[in-house]
Amino acid sequence: MSTIGKFLPHDEPMVLLDDLLECLEESVHATVTPHKESPFCEQGAIPSYVALEYMAQSVAAWNGYHAHQRQEQPKVGFLLGSRRLTLHVPSFLVGETLNVYGKCQYNDGEMASFECWIEKNKERLAEATLNVYQPKDITQFNNET
């Protein structure tokens, strides 16, 4: 199991990132090294559009890490959308370690915006601004009647 998993409200196999290397007040740095059994892997590569999920999971890990520091469990959040998603490569190759970064631009406790990017050997492979929402009370979204 990934070492980042305890900070995410996901279960395997959808924990896509491997490690949380740094988590500061306003930023996060995680890594992933795709392998041939990775979800979404086809013919030795992961389509670069999966970068959006890598970046979203880095933001979720940032949030989960800070919850863990407060002795709380990671909470479910929602990716509302992205702006300026730019994919500089068509895919990520198996065995290449990717560095996933996020920097908080805005956070009011529920809504937040992060500038995110993915690098390999200091070359930027993907980037986007992610808008996320974590409600204080997730039960308001249950449709049980």
N, C-alpha and C. Protein backbone atom coordinates (compact mmCIF):
# COMPACT_ATOMS: atom_id res chain seq x y z
N MET A 1 0.84 -1.19 0.00
CA MET A 1 0.00 0.00 0.00
C MET A 1 0.87 1.25 0.00
N SER A 2 0.41 2.22 -0.65
CA SER A 2 1.08 3.50 -0.74
C SER A 2 1.20 4.14 0.65
N THR A 3 2.32 4.82 0.90
CA THR A 3 2.49 5.50 2.19
C THR A 3 1.62 6.75 2.28
N ILE A 4 1.11 7.22 1.16
CA ILE A 4 0.27 8.41 1.15
C ILE A 4 -1.19 8.06 1.48
N GLY A 5 -1.52 6.78 1.41
CA GLY A 5 -2.90 6.33 1.57
C GLY A 5 -3.58 6.75 2.86
N LYS A 6 -2.83 6.85 3.96
CA LYS A 6 -3.47 7.22 5.23
C LYS A 6 -3.97 8.66 5.24
N PHE A 7 -3.53 9.46 4.27
CA PHE A 7 -3.96 10.85 4.20
C PHE A 7 -5.09 11.07 3.20
N LEU A 8 -5.51 10.00 2.53
CA LEU A 8 -6.54 10.11 1.49
C LEU A 8 -7.81 9.37 1.90
N PRO A 9 -8.97 9.89 1.50
CA PRO A 9 -10.23 9.18 1.78
C PRO A 9 -10.53 8.16 0.68
N HIS A 10 -9.50 7.63 0.02
CA HIS A 10 -9.64 6.65 -1.06
C HIS A 10 -9.23 5.28 -0.55
N ASP A 11 -9.65 4.26 -1.27
CA ASP A 11 -9.20 2.90 -1.02
C ASP A 11 -8.41 2.44 -2.23
N GLU A 12 -7.54 1.45 -2.02
CA GLU A 12 -6.85 0.82 -3.14
C GLU A 12 -7.90 0.21 -4.05
N PRO A 13 -7.76 0.18 -5.33
CA PRO A 13 -6.59 0.56 -6.10
C PRO A 13 -6.59 2.02 -6.55
N MET A 14 -7.50 2.84 -6.01
CA MET A 14 -7.61 4.22 -6.51
C MET A 14 -6.70 5.21 -5.79
N VAL A 15 -5.85 4.73 -4.87
CA VAL A 15 -4.79 5.58 -4.35
C VAL A 15 -3.70 5.54 -5.41
N LEU A 16 -3.63 6.59 -6.21
CA LEU A 16 -2.72 6.59 -7.36
C LEU A 16 -1.33 7.09 -7.05
N LEU A 17 -1.18 7.91 -6.03
CA LEU A 17 0.13 8.46 -5.68
C LEU A 17 0.88 7.50 -4.76
N ASP A 18 2.21 7.63 -4.73
CA ASP A 18 3.04 6.75 -3.91
C ASP A 18 3.42 7.36 -2.57
N ASP A 19 3.96 8.56 -2.60
CA ASP A 19 4.53 9.14 -1.39
C ASP A 19 4.19 10.61 -1.25
N LEU A 20 4.07 11.03 -0.01
CA LEU A 20 3.93 12.44 0.32
C LEU A 20 5.29 12.88 0.84
N LEU A 21 6.02 13.65 0.04
CA LEU A 21 7.38 14.04 0.41
C LEU A 21 7.43 15.27 1.28
N GLU A 22 6.54 16.22 1.01
CA GLU A 22 6.53 17.46 1.78
C GLU A 22 5.12 18.01 1.83
N CYS A 23 4.74 18.44 3.02
CA CYS A 23 3.42 19.05 3.18
C CYS A 23 3.58 20.23 4.12
N LEU A 24 3.50 21.41 3.57
CA LEU A 24 3.65 22.64 4.34
C LEU A 24 2.30 23.32 4.48
N GLU A 25 2.29 24.46 5.12
CA GLU A 25 1.04 25.18 5.35
C GLU A 25 0.31 25.51 4.06
N GLU A 26 1.04 25.88 3.00
CA GLU A 26 0.42 26.31 1.75
C GLU A 26 0.82 25.47 0.53
N SER A 27 1.56 24.37 0.73
CA SER A 27 2.01 23.62 -0.44
C SER A 27 2.17 22.13 -0.14
N VAL A 28 2.24 21.36 -1.23
CA VAL A 28 2.37 19.91 -1.13
C VAL A 28 3.29 19.42 -2.25
N HIS A 29 4.03 18.34 -1.96
CA HIS A 29 4.89 17.67 -2.95
C HIS A 29 4.73 16.17 -2.74
N ALA A 30 4.19 15.52 -3.76
CA ALA A 30 3.97 14.07 -3.73
C ALA A 30 4.67 13.45 -4.95
N THR A 31 4.79 12.13 -4.94
CA THR A 31 5.38 11.45 -6.09
C THR A 31 4.53 10.25 -6.49
N VAL A 32 4.71 9.87 -7.74
CA VAL A 32 4.13 8.64 -8.27
C VAL A 32 5.08 8.10 -9.33
N THR A 33 5.28 6.79 -9.28
CA THR A 33 6.04 6.10 -10.32
C THR A 33 5.11 5.06 -10.92
N PRO A 34 4.50 5.36 -12.06
CA PRO A 34 3.57 4.40 -12.67
C PRO A 34 4.26 3.07 -12.97
N HIS A 35 3.50 2.00 -12.81
CA HIS A 35 3.99 0.67 -13.15
C HIS A 35 2.95 -0.01 -14.04
N LYS A 36 3.29 -1.15 -14.59
CA LYS A 36 2.42 -1.76 -15.59
C LYS A 36 1.08 -2.22 -15.02
N GLU A 37 0.97 -2.36 -13.67
CA GLU A 37 -0.31 -2.73 -13.06
C GLU A 37 -1.08 -1.50 -12.58
N SER A 38 -0.55 -0.32 -12.80
CA SER A 38 -1.24 0.91 -12.37
C SER A 38 -2.58 1.05 -13.08
N PRO A 39 -3.60 1.55 -12.35
CA PRO A 39 -4.85 1.84 -13.04
C PRO A 39 -4.59 2.78 -14.22
N PHE A 40 -5.28 2.57 -15.29
CA PHE A 40 -5.22 3.38 -16.51
C PHE A 40 -4.01 3.09 -17.39
N CYS A 41 -3.13 2.17 -16.97
CA CYS A 41 -1.94 1.87 -17.78
C CYS A 41 -2.32 1.02 -18.99
N GLU A 42 -1.89 1.47 -20.15
CA GLU A 42 -2.10 0.73 -21.39
C GLU A 42 -0.81 0.79 -22.19
N GLN A 43 -0.30 -0.36 -22.57
CA GLN A 43 0.89 -0.47 -23.41
C GLN A 43 2.06 0.32 -22.86
N GLY A 44 2.28 0.21 -21.54
CA GLY A 44 3.45 0.81 -20.92
C GLY A 44 3.37 2.30 -20.65
N ALA A 45 2.17 2.87 -20.70
CA ALA A 45 2.04 4.31 -20.47
C ALA A 45 0.69 4.63 -19.83
N ILE A 46 0.67 5.75 -19.13
CA ILE A 46 -0.55 6.30 -18.53
C ILE A 46 -0.92 7.54 -19.34
N PRO A 47 -2.13 7.66 -19.85
CA PRO A 47 -2.51 8.87 -20.58
C PRO A 47 -2.32 10.11 -19.71
N SER A 48 -1.83 11.18 -20.29
CA SER A 48 -1.51 12.37 -19.50
C SER A 48 -2.73 13.02 -18.87
N TYR A 49 -3.94 12.73 -19.38
CA TYR A 49 -5.12 13.32 -18.74
C TYR A 49 -5.31 12.82 -17.31
N VAL A 50 -4.66 11.71 -16.94
CA VAL A 50 -4.71 11.21 -15.57
C VAL A 50 -3.98 12.19 -14.64
N ALA A 51 -3.21 13.10 -15.20
CA ALA A 51 -2.54 14.13 -14.40
C ALA A 51 -3.54 14.89 -13.54
N LEU A 52 -4.73 15.10 -14.06
CA LEU A 52 -5.74 15.82 -13.29
C LEU A 52 -6.03 15.08 -11.97
N GLU A 53 -6.13 13.76 -12.02
CA GLU A 53 -6.38 12.98 -10.80
C GLU A 53 -5.15 12.96 -9.90
N TYR A 54 -3.95 12.87 -10.48
CA TYR A 54 -2.73 12.94 -9.67
C TYR A 54 -2.69 14.26 -8.89
N MET A 55 -2.99 15.36 -9.57
CA MET A 55 -2.96 16.66 -8.92
C MET A 55 -4.06 16.75 -7.86
N ALA A 56 -5.26 16.26 -8.18
CA ALA A 56 -6.36 16.29 -7.22
C ALA A 56 -6.02 15.46 -5.97
N GLN A 57 -5.39 14.31 -6.16
CA GLN A 57 -5.01 13.50 -5.01
C GLN A 57 -3.92 14.16 -4.19
N SER A 58 -3.04 14.93 -4.82
CA SER A 58 -2.02 15.64 -4.03
C SER A 58 -2.69 16.69 -3.14
N VAL A 59 -3.70 17.36 -3.66
CA VAL A 59 -4.46 18.35 -2.87
C VAL A 59 -5.21 17.63 -1.74
N ALA A 60 -5.81 16.49 -2.04
CA ALA A 60 -6.52 15.72 -1.02
C ALA A 60 -5.54 15.25 0.06
N ALA A 61 -4.33 14.85 -0.34
CA ALA A 61 -3.32 14.42 0.64
C ALA A 61 -2.89 15.60 1.51
N TRP A 62 -2.76 16.78 0.91
CA TRP A 62 -2.43 17.99 1.68
C TRP A 62 -3.50 18.20 2.76
N ASN A 63 -4.75 18.10 2.36
CA ASN A 63 -5.85 18.29 3.30
C ASN A 63 -5.87 17.19 4.36
N GLY A 64 -5.66 15.95 3.93
CA GLY A 64 -5.65 14.83 4.86
C GLY A 64 -4.48 14.89 5.83
N TYR A 65 -3.35 15.35 5.37
CA TYR A 65 -2.19 15.50 6.24
C TYR A 65 -2.49 16.50 7.36
N HIS A 66 -3.08 17.63 6.99
CA HIS A 66 -3.40 18.65 8.00
C HIS A 66 -4.49 18.15 8.95
N ALA A 67 -5.44 17.36 8.45
CA ALA A 67 -6.44 16.74 9.32
C ALA A 67 -5.76 15.78 10.29
N HIS A 68 -4.82 14.99 9.78
CA HIS A 68 -4.07 14.03 10.61
C HIS A 68 -3.32 14.77 11.73
N GLN A 69 -2.76 15.93 11.42
CA GLN A 69 -2.06 16.73 12.42
C GLN A 69 -3.01 17.17 13.54
N ARG A 70 -4.29 17.32 13.21
CA ARG A 70 -5.31 17.69 14.20
C ARG A 70 -5.97 16.44 14.81
N GLN A 71 -5.41 15.27 14.50
CA GLN A 71 -5.92 13.97 14.97
C GLN A 71 -7.33 13.71 14.46
N GLU A 72 -7.58 14.10 13.20
CA GLU A 72 -8.85 13.84 12.54
C GLU A 72 -8.61 12.91 11.36
N GLN A 73 -9.66 12.28 10.88
CA GLN A 73 -9.60 11.42 9.70
C GLN A 73 -9.70 12.27 8.43
N PRO A 74 -9.12 11.80 7.32
CA PRO A 74 -9.31 12.52 6.04
C PRO A 74 -10.79 12.57 5.69
N LYS A 75 -11.22 13.70 5.16
CA LYS A 75 -12.62 13.88 4.79
C LYS A 75 -12.77 13.88 3.27
N VAL A 76 -13.95 13.51 2.83
CA VAL A 76 -14.27 13.54 1.41
C VAL A 76 -14.35 14.99 0.94
N GLY A 77 -13.77 15.24 -0.20
CA GLY A 77 -13.86 16.54 -0.83
C GLY A 77 -14.26 16.36 -2.28
N PHE A 78 -14.51 17.46 -2.96
CA PHE A 78 -14.96 17.41 -4.35
C PHE A 78 -14.07 18.27 -5.22
N LEU A 79 -13.67 17.72 -6.35
CA LEU A 79 -13.00 18.51 -7.37
C LEU A 79 -14.10 19.19 -8.17
N LEU A 80 -14.18 20.50 -8.04
CA LEU A 80 -15.24 21.24 -8.74
C LEU A 80 -14.89 21.48 -10.20
N GLY A 81 -13.60 21.60 -10.47
CA GLY A 81 -13.18 21.83 -11.85
C GLY A 81 -11.75 22.30 -11.90
N SER A 82 -11.30 22.51 -13.11
CA SER A 82 -9.93 23.00 -13.30
C SER A 82 -9.94 24.12 -14.34
N ARG A 83 -8.96 24.96 -14.22
CA ARG A 83 -8.76 26.03 -15.20
C ARG A 83 -7.38 25.87 -15.78
N ARG A 84 -7.27 26.18 -17.02
CA ARG A 84 -5.98 26.18 -17.69
C ARG A 84 -5.23 24.84 -17.58
N LEU A 85 -5.95 23.74 -17.73
CA LEU A 85 -5.28 22.45 -17.75
C LEU A 85 -4.43 22.38 -19.01
N THR A 86 -3.14 22.20 -18.83
CA THR A 86 -2.22 22.09 -19.95
C THR A 86 -1.43 20.80 -19.81
N LEU A 87 -1.50 19.96 -20.83
CA LEU A 87 -0.78 18.69 -20.86
C LEU A 87 0.33 18.83 -21.89
N HIS A 88 1.56 18.84 -21.43
CA HIS A 88 2.70 19.04 -22.32
C HIS A 88 3.21 17.76 -22.98
N VAL A 89 2.72 16.61 -22.50
CA VAL A 89 3.11 15.32 -23.06
C VAL A 89 1.85 14.48 -23.26
N PRO A 90 1.87 13.52 -24.18
CA PRO A 90 0.68 12.69 -24.39
C PRO A 90 0.48 11.62 -23.32
N SER A 91 1.59 11.20 -22.67
CA SER A 91 1.47 10.13 -21.68
C SER A 91 2.67 10.16 -20.73
N PHE A 92 2.51 9.40 -19.64
CA PHE A 92 3.59 9.19 -18.66
C PHE A 92 4.03 7.75 -18.78
N LEU A 93 5.32 7.52 -18.91
CA LEU A 93 5.83 6.17 -19.11
C LEU A 93 6.00 5.41 -17.81
N VAL A 94 5.76 4.12 -17.86
CA VAL A 94 5.98 3.24 -16.72
C VAL A 94 7.44 3.38 -16.28
N GLY A 95 7.64 3.48 -14.97
CA GLY A 95 8.99 3.55 -14.41
C GLY A 95 9.53 4.96 -14.24
N GLU A 96 8.87 5.96 -14.79
CA GLU A 96 9.32 7.34 -14.64
C GLU A 96 8.70 7.95 -13.38
N THR A 97 9.53 8.44 -12.49
CA THR A 97 9.02 9.07 -11.27
C THR A 97 8.56 10.48 -11.59
N LEU A 98 7.32 10.74 -11.22
CA LEU A 98 6.71 12.06 -11.44
C LEU A 98 6.59 12.77 -10.10
N ASN A 99 6.94 14.04 -10.08
CA ASN A 99 6.78 14.89 -8.91
C ASN A 99 5.53 15.71 -9.10
N VAL A 100 4.62 15.62 -8.13
CA VAL A 100 3.33 16.29 -8.21
C VAL A 100 3.32 17.39 -7.14
N TYR A 101 3.10 18.62 -7.57
CA TYR A 101 3.15 19.77 -6.67
C TYR A 101 1.81 20.49 -6.64
N GLY A 102 1.52 21.09 -5.52
CA GLY A 102 0.36 21.95 -5.39
C GLY A 102 0.68 23.11 -4.47
N LYS A 103 0.15 24.28 -4.81
CA LYS A 103 0.34 25.46 -3.99
C LYS A 103 -1.01 26.13 -3.80
N CYS A 104 -1.42 26.30 -2.55
CA CYS A 104 -2.71 26.88 -2.24
C CYS A 104 -2.72 28.36 -2.60
N GLN A 105 -3.71 28.74 -3.39
CA GLN A 105 -3.88 30.14 -3.79
C GLN A 105 -4.99 30.81 -2.99
N TYR A 106 -5.95 29.99 -2.53
CA TYR A 106 -7.11 30.51 -1.80
C TYR A 106 -7.69 29.38 -0.97
N ASN A 107 -8.10 29.68 0.26
CA ASN A 107 -8.73 28.66 1.10
C ASN A 107 -9.57 29.35 2.16
N ASP A 108 -10.88 29.12 2.12
CA ASP A 108 -11.75 29.72 3.14
C ASP A 108 -12.25 28.68 4.15
N GLY A 109 -11.66 27.49 4.14
CA GLY A 109 -12.09 26.43 5.05
C GLY A 109 -12.99 25.40 4.40
N GLU A 110 -13.65 25.78 3.31
CA GLU A 110 -14.46 24.84 2.54
C GLU A 110 -14.07 24.89 1.06
N MET A 111 -14.03 26.06 0.49
CA MET A 111 -13.62 26.23 -0.91
C MET A 111 -12.13 26.54 -0.94
N ALA A 112 -11.45 25.99 -1.95
CA ALA A 112 -10.02 26.28 -2.09
C ALA A 112 -9.63 26.20 -3.56
N SER A 113 -8.53 26.86 -3.87
CA SER A 113 -7.97 26.84 -5.22
C SER A 113 -6.47 26.58 -5.10
N PHE A 114 -5.99 25.65 -5.92
CA PHE A 114 -4.58 25.27 -5.90
C PHE A 114 -3.98 25.37 -7.29
N GLU A 115 -2.81 25.97 -7.37
CA GLU A 115 -2.00 25.91 -8.58
C GLU A 115 -1.24 24.59 -8.48
N CYS A 116 -1.39 23.71 -9.47
CA CYS A 116 -0.77 22.39 -9.43
C CYS A 116 0.05 22.15 -10.70
N TRP A 117 1.07 21.32 -10.57
CA TRP A 117 1.87 20.94 -11.73
C TRP A 117 2.58 19.62 -11.46
N ILE A 118 2.98 18.99 -12.54
CA ILE A 118 3.71 17.72 -12.49
C ILE A 118 5.01 17.91 -13.24
N GLU A 119 6.11 17.45 -12.63
CA GLU A 119 7.43 17.54 -13.24
C GLU A 119 8.11 16.18 -13.26
N LYS A 120 9.00 16.03 -14.23
CA LYS A 120 9.93 14.91 -14.28
C LYS A 120 11.28 15.51 -14.60
N ASN A 121 12.25 15.31 -13.73
CA ASN A 121 13.59 15.88 -13.92
C ASN A 121 13.52 17.39 -14.16
N LYS A 122 12.70 18.07 -13.38
CA LYS A 122 12.52 19.53 -13.42
C LYS A 122 11.88 20.04 -14.70
N GLU A 123 11.38 19.14 -15.54
CA GLU A 123 10.64 19.53 -16.75
C GLU A 123 9.15 19.43 -16.44
N ARG A 124 8.43 20.50 -16.70
CA ARG A 124 6.99 20.53 -16.42
C ARG A 124 6.25 19.73 -17.49
N LEU A 125 5.47 18.74 -17.03
CA LEU A 125 4.74 17.86 -17.95
C LEU A 125 3.25 18.18 -18.02
N ALA A 126 2.72 18.75 -16.94
CA ALA A 126 1.29 19.09 -16.89
C ALA A 126 1.10 20.17 -15.83
N GLU A 127 0.02 20.97 -16.00
CA GLU A 127 -0.27 22.00 -15.02
C GLU A 127 -1.74 22.40 -15.11
N ALA A 128 -2.25 22.87 -13.98
CA ALA A 128 -3.66 23.30 -13.93
C ALA A 128 -3.90 24.03 -12.61
N THR A 129 -4.97 24.79 -12.59
CA THR A 129 -5.49 25.34 -11.34
C THR A 129 -6.72 24.52 -10.99
N LEU A 130 -6.72 23.95 -9.78
CA LEU A 130 -7.83 23.11 -9.35
C LEU A 130 -8.68 23.88 -8.34
N ASN A 131 -9.98 23.79 -8.52
CA ASN A 131 -10.93 24.35 -7.57
C ASN A 131 -11.60 23.19 -6.85
N VAL A 132 -11.52 23.22 -5.52
CA VAL A 132 -11.99 22.10 -4.72
C VAL A 132 -12.94 22.59 -3.63
N TYR A 133 -13.74 21.65 -3.13
CA TYR A 133 -14.72 21.97 -2.09
C TYR A 133 -14.76 20.82 -1.10
N GLN A 134 -14.62 21.15 0.18
CA GLN A 134 -14.79 20.16 1.24
C GLN A 134 -15.80 20.72 2.23
N PRO A 135 -17.03 20.22 2.16
CA PRO A 135 -18.07 20.74 3.06
C PRO A 135 -17.77 20.38 4.51
N LYS A 136 -18.15 21.26 5.39
CA LYS A 136 -17.99 20.97 6.82
C LYS A 136 -18.88 19.79 7.22
N ASP A 137 -20.04 19.66 6.56
CA ASP A 137 -20.98 18.59 6.87
C ASP A 137 -21.31 17.82 5.59
N ILE A 138 -20.66 16.68 5.40
CA ILE A 138 -20.86 15.88 4.18
C ILE A 138 -22.24 15.22 4.15
N THR A 139 -22.90 15.10 5.32
CA THR A 139 -24.20 14.42 5.35
C THR A 139 -25.26 15.17 4.56
N GLN A 140 -25.06 16.45 4.32
CA GLN A 140 -26.05 17.22 3.53
C GLN A 140 -26.12 16.73 2.08
N PHE A 141 -25.14 15.91 1.67
CA PHE A 141 -25.13 15.41 0.29
C PHE A 141 -25.69 14.01 0.17
N ASN A 142 -26.12 13.42 1.27
CA ASN A 142 -26.73 12.08 1.20
C ASN A 142 -28.12 12.20 0.62
N ASN A 143 -28.47 11.30 -0.28
CA ASN A 143 -29.79 11.31 -0.92
C ASN A 143 -30.74 10.31 -0.29
N GLU A 144 -30.44 9.86 0.90
CA GLU A 144 -31.30 8.86 1.54
C GLU A 144 -32.61 9.52 1.95
N THR A 145 -33.70 8.81 1.68
CA THR A 145 -35.02 9.34 2.06
C THR A 145 -35.69 8.41 3.03
